[in-house]
Amino acid sequence: MNVLNSIKIRLEKDKDYREVEELTREAFWRKERVEKLGVGCIEHYMVHCLRKIDGIKELDFVAEIDGKIVGHVIYSRAYILQCNNEKKEVINFGPLSVLPEYQKQGIGSALMKYSIECAKELGYGAMLFFGHPTYYPRFGFVEAKEFGITTAWGANFPAFMAMELKKGYLEGVNGRYIESKIYDEELNKEKAKKYDENFYLK
């Protein structure tokens, strides 16, 4: 069965919060991360925090099949700190989560395409993020260095990507990309470990 024929994408509701965090935990949990972070993932904690800090409610989407939530994407506010100390507002996305048994069936792509179009319609100018450099160019992303933008610590690499939602929005914008501190694993791993105690033991 082609799941894309029965997928429904809608805004996340308050009643979805727990189910979405459980989905995110299942999608990202890795045993090898337990040794590094003390917990198998922190993405469910990120989602929990982003709803309160830096999150963009009108770009917080779930994907449903037959009433079951199988995927989720959340967006957040970020900015480019330019050389003159002015801030250029941009957006970031992630985590992008799909239940393991529904992965590699196009659900993540459907969420991305839908949410990107919504971000354009809402008037956002550009998106920057860190992700897989062979997957995300299909949606229109290029390396951020093409726009003269570096990471917060002044670096560039293929996984650091950008996309204009308004043509010319990043023209002449040089500076460092500053995203929500919620994405900092080292900074948040202890809080994530504590938050994970609210979930069933893996």
Protein backbone atom coordinates (compact mmCIF):
# COMPACT_ATOMS: atom_id res chain seq x y z
CA MET A 1 0.00 0.00 0.00
CA ASN A 2 1.25 3.47 -0.85
CA VAL A 3 0.99 5.33 2.46
CA LEU A 4 1.17 8.70 0.70
CA ASN A 5 -2.31 8.09 -0.69
CA SER A 6 -3.73 8.10 2.84
CA ILE A 7 -1.49 10.64 4.58
CA LYS A 8 -3.00 13.74 6.17
CA ILE A 9 -0.80 16.65 7.24
CA ARG A 10 -2.18 19.10 9.78
CA LEU A 11 -1.07 21.47 12.52
CA GLU A 12 -0.11 19.87 15.81
CA LYS A 13 -2.68 20.28 18.61
CA ASP A 14 -2.06 20.47 22.34
CA LYS A 15 -3.53 16.99 22.78
CA ASP A 16 -0.86 15.60 20.41
CA TYR A 17 2.13 16.68 22.52
CA ARG A 18 2.80 13.44 24.38
CA GLU A 19 2.21 11.24 21.34
CA VAL A 20 4.54 13.40 19.24
CA GLU A 21 7.30 13.26 21.84
CA GLU A 22 6.99 9.48 22.07
CA LEU A 23 7.17 9.30 18.26
CA THR A 24 10.25 11.53 18.23
CA ARG A 25 11.91 9.39 20.89
CA GLU A 26 11.28 6.22 18.85
CA ALA A 27 12.59 7.85 15.67
CA PHE A 28 15.89 9.05 17.14
CA TRP A 29 16.76 6.62 19.92
CA ARG A 30 20.17 4.99 19.44
CA LYS A 31 21.93 2.72 21.92
CA GLU A 32 25.32 4.20 21.09
CA ARG A 33 24.12 7.63 22.20
CA VAL A 34 23.49 6.36 25.72
CA GLU A 35 27.26 6.15 26.30
CA LYS A 36 27.84 9.62 24.85
CA LEU A 37 24.86 11.50 26.30
CA GLY A 38 23.58 9.28 29.07
CA VAL A 39 20.31 8.97 27.15
CA GLY A 40 19.44 7.44 23.78
CA CYS A 41 18.27 10.71 22.29
CA ILE A 42 17.48 14.28 23.29
CA GLU A 43 15.24 15.16 20.34
CA HIS A 44 12.00 14.53 22.27
CA TYR A 45 13.26 16.97 24.89
CA MET A 46 14.09 19.47 22.12
CA VAL A 47 10.52 19.26 20.81
CA HIS A 48 9.16 19.73 24.34
CA CYS A 49 11.27 22.87 24.83
CA LEU A 50 10.85 24.38 21.37
CA ARG A 51 7.10 24.59 21.87
CA LYS A 52 7.84 27.04 24.72
CA ILE A 53 11.03 28.69 23.48
CA ASP A 54 11.76 29.81 19.89
CA GLY A 55 9.18 27.48 18.32
CA ILE A 56 6.84 28.60 15.50
CA LYS A 57 3.38 27.25 16.24
CA GLU A 58 2.05 27.82 12.72
CA LEU A 59 4.83 25.59 11.33
CA ASP A 60 4.43 22.70 13.78
CA PHE A 61 2.95 19.85 11.72
CA VAL A 62 2.03 16.21 12.17
CA ALA A 63 1.44 13.55 9.52
CA GLU A 64 -1.44 11.15 10.16
CA ILE A 65 -2.43 7.84 8.59
CA ASP A 66 -5.84 6.49 9.57
CA GLY A 67 -5.88 8.79 12.59
CA LYS A 68 -2.44 7.69 13.84
CA ILE A 69 0.38 10.24 14.05
CA VAL A 70 3.34 8.79 12.13
CA GLY A 71 5.47 11.88 11.50
CA HIS A 72 6.20 15.34 12.83
CA VAL A 73 8.23 18.44 12.01
CA ILE A 74 8.77 21.54 14.11
CA TYR A 75 10.28 24.91 13.15
CA SER A 76 12.00 27.55 15.26
CA ARG A 77 13.25 31.10 15.04
CA ALA A 78 16.91 31.85 14.37
CA TYR A 79 18.98 34.69 12.97
CA ILE A 80 22.16 35.63 11.17
CA LEU A 81 24.38 37.93 13.20
CA GLN A 82 25.95 40.22 10.62
CA CYS A 83 29.30 41.97 10.80
CA ASN A 84 27.59 45.25 11.75
CA ASN A 85 25.85 43.39 14.63
CA GLU A 86 22.45 43.61 12.92
CA LYS A 87 20.31 40.48 13.04
CA LYS A 88 18.71 39.00 9.92
CA GLU A 89 15.77 36.84 10.94
CA VAL A 90 15.60 33.33 9.50
CA ILE A 91 13.97 30.04 10.48
CA ASN A 92 15.25 26.59 11.29
CA PHE A 93 13.51 23.24 11.34
CA GLY A 94 13.87 19.99 13.21
CA PRO A 95 13.60 17.53 14.61
CA LEU A 96 11.90 15.93 11.61
CA SER A 97 10.60 12.61 12.92
CA VAL A 98 8.93 9.56 11.40
CA LEU A 99 8.05 6.38 13.28
CA PRO A 100 10.62 3.68 12.42
CA GLU A 101 8.04 1.35 10.82
CA TYR A 102 6.92 4.18 8.49
CA GLN A 103 10.36 5.44 7.46
CA LYS A 104 11.59 5.41 3.85
CA GLN A 105 8.04 5.69 2.54
CA GLY A 106 8.05 9.39 1.68
CA ILE A 107 6.43 10.73 4.85
CA GLY A 108 9.41 12.88 5.81
CA SER A 109 9.58 14.31 2.29
CA ALA A 110 5.86 15.05 2.35
CA LEU A 111 6.22 16.93 5.64
CA MET A 112 9.16 18.91 4.29
CA LYS A 113 7.47 19.92 1.03
CA TYR A 114 4.25 20.89 2.77
CA SER A 115 5.92 22.89 5.54
CA ILE A 116 8.28 24.69 3.16
CA GLU A 117 5.33 25.88 1.07
CA CYS A 118 3.53 27.00 4.23
CA ALA A 119 6.63 28.91 5.38
CA LYS A 120 6.71 30.72 2.02
CA GLU A 121 3.02 31.59 2.24
CA LEU A 122 3.51 32.94 5.76
CA GLY A 123 6.22 35.28 4.50
CA TYR A 124 9.37 33.83 6.04
CA GLY A 125 12.52 34.81 4.17
CA ALA A 126 15.00 31.93 4.49
CA MET A 127 15.77 28.64 6.22
CA LEU A 128 19.09 27.42 7.59
CA PHE A 129 19.86 24.18 9.38
CA PHE A 130 22.25 21.26 9.85
CA GLY A 131 21.25 18.07 8.04
CA HIS A 132 22.23 15.28 5.68
CA PRO A 133 23.93 16.90 2.64
CA THR A 134 22.78 14.23 0.19
CA TYR A 135 19.11 14.27 1.26
CA TYR A 136 18.04 17.89 1.65
CA PRO A 137 19.22 19.46 -1.63
CA ARG A 138 16.18 17.83 -3.30
CA PHE A 139 14.05 20.43 -1.49
CA GLY A 140 16.14 23.36 -2.71
CA PHE A 141 18.84 23.62 -0.04
CA VAL A 142 22.44 24.53 -0.89
CA GLU A 143 25.53 24.92 1.26
CA ALA A 144 25.23 28.02 3.43
CA LYS A 145 28.65 29.21 2.30
CA GLU A 146 27.07 30.12 -1.05
CA PHE A 147 25.36 32.97 0.79
CA GLY A 148 28.46 33.98 2.78
CA ILE A 149 27.05 32.57 6.01
CA THR A 150 29.04 30.56 8.56
CA THR A 151 28.11 28.63 11.67
CA ALA A 152 28.14 30.42 15.02
CA TRP A 153 31.80 29.36 15.41
CA GLY A 154 32.81 30.53 11.91
CA ALA A 155 32.87 27.20 10.05
CA ASN A 156 31.36 25.82 6.85
CA PHE A 157 30.77 22.23 5.73
CA PRO A 158 28.32 20.40 3.45
CA ALA A 159 25.84 19.58 6.25
CA PHE A 160 25.31 23.28 7.00
CA MET A 161 22.65 24.33 4.49
CA ALA A 162 20.44 27.23 3.54
CA MET A 163 17.53 28.05 1.27
CA GLU A 164 15.88 31.34 0.37
CA LEU A 165 12.10 31.36 0.67
CA LYS A 166 12.00 34.89 -0.75
CA LYS A 167 14.26 35.46 -3.72
CA GLY A 168 17.17 37.73 -2.76
CA TYR A 169 16.44 37.61 0.98
CA LEU A 170 20.00 36.53 1.79
CA GLU A 171 21.67 38.72 -0.83
CA GLY A 172 24.51 40.68 0.75
CA VAL A 173 23.94 39.03 4.12
CA ASN A 174 27.25 37.93 5.61
CA GLY A 175 27.52 36.67 9.14
CA ARG A 176 27.17 33.88 11.66
CA TYR A 177 24.12 31.67 12.03
CA ILE A 178 22.66 31.62 15.56
CA GLU A 179 20.06 28.95 16.33
CA SER A 180 18.15 28.13 19.51
CA LYS A 181 20.30 26.86 22.38
CA ILE A 182 17.85 23.96 22.65
CA TYR A 183 19.80 22.28 19.81
CA ASP A 184 23.03 22.14 21.83
CA GLU A 185 23.39 18.48 22.88
CA GLU A 186 26.16 19.10 25.41
CA LEU A 187 24.27 21.97 26.99
CA ASN A 188 21.00 20.04 27.27
CA LYS A 189 21.98 16.40 27.74
CA GLU A 190 21.51 16.35 31.54
CA LYS A 191 18.10 18.02 31.32
CA ALA A 192 17.15 15.63 28.50
CA LYS A 193 18.24 12.66 30.59
CA LYS A 194 16.06 13.86 33.47
CA TYR A 195 13.12 14.50 31.15
CA ASP A 196 13.45 11.02 29.67
CA GLU A 197 12.57 9.54 33.05
CA ASN A 198 8.96 10.51 32.26
CA PHE A 199 8.93 7.92 29.46
CA TYR A 200 8.91 4.12 29.49
CA LEU A 201 12.31 2.48 30.03
CA LYS A 202 14.11 1.41 26.85
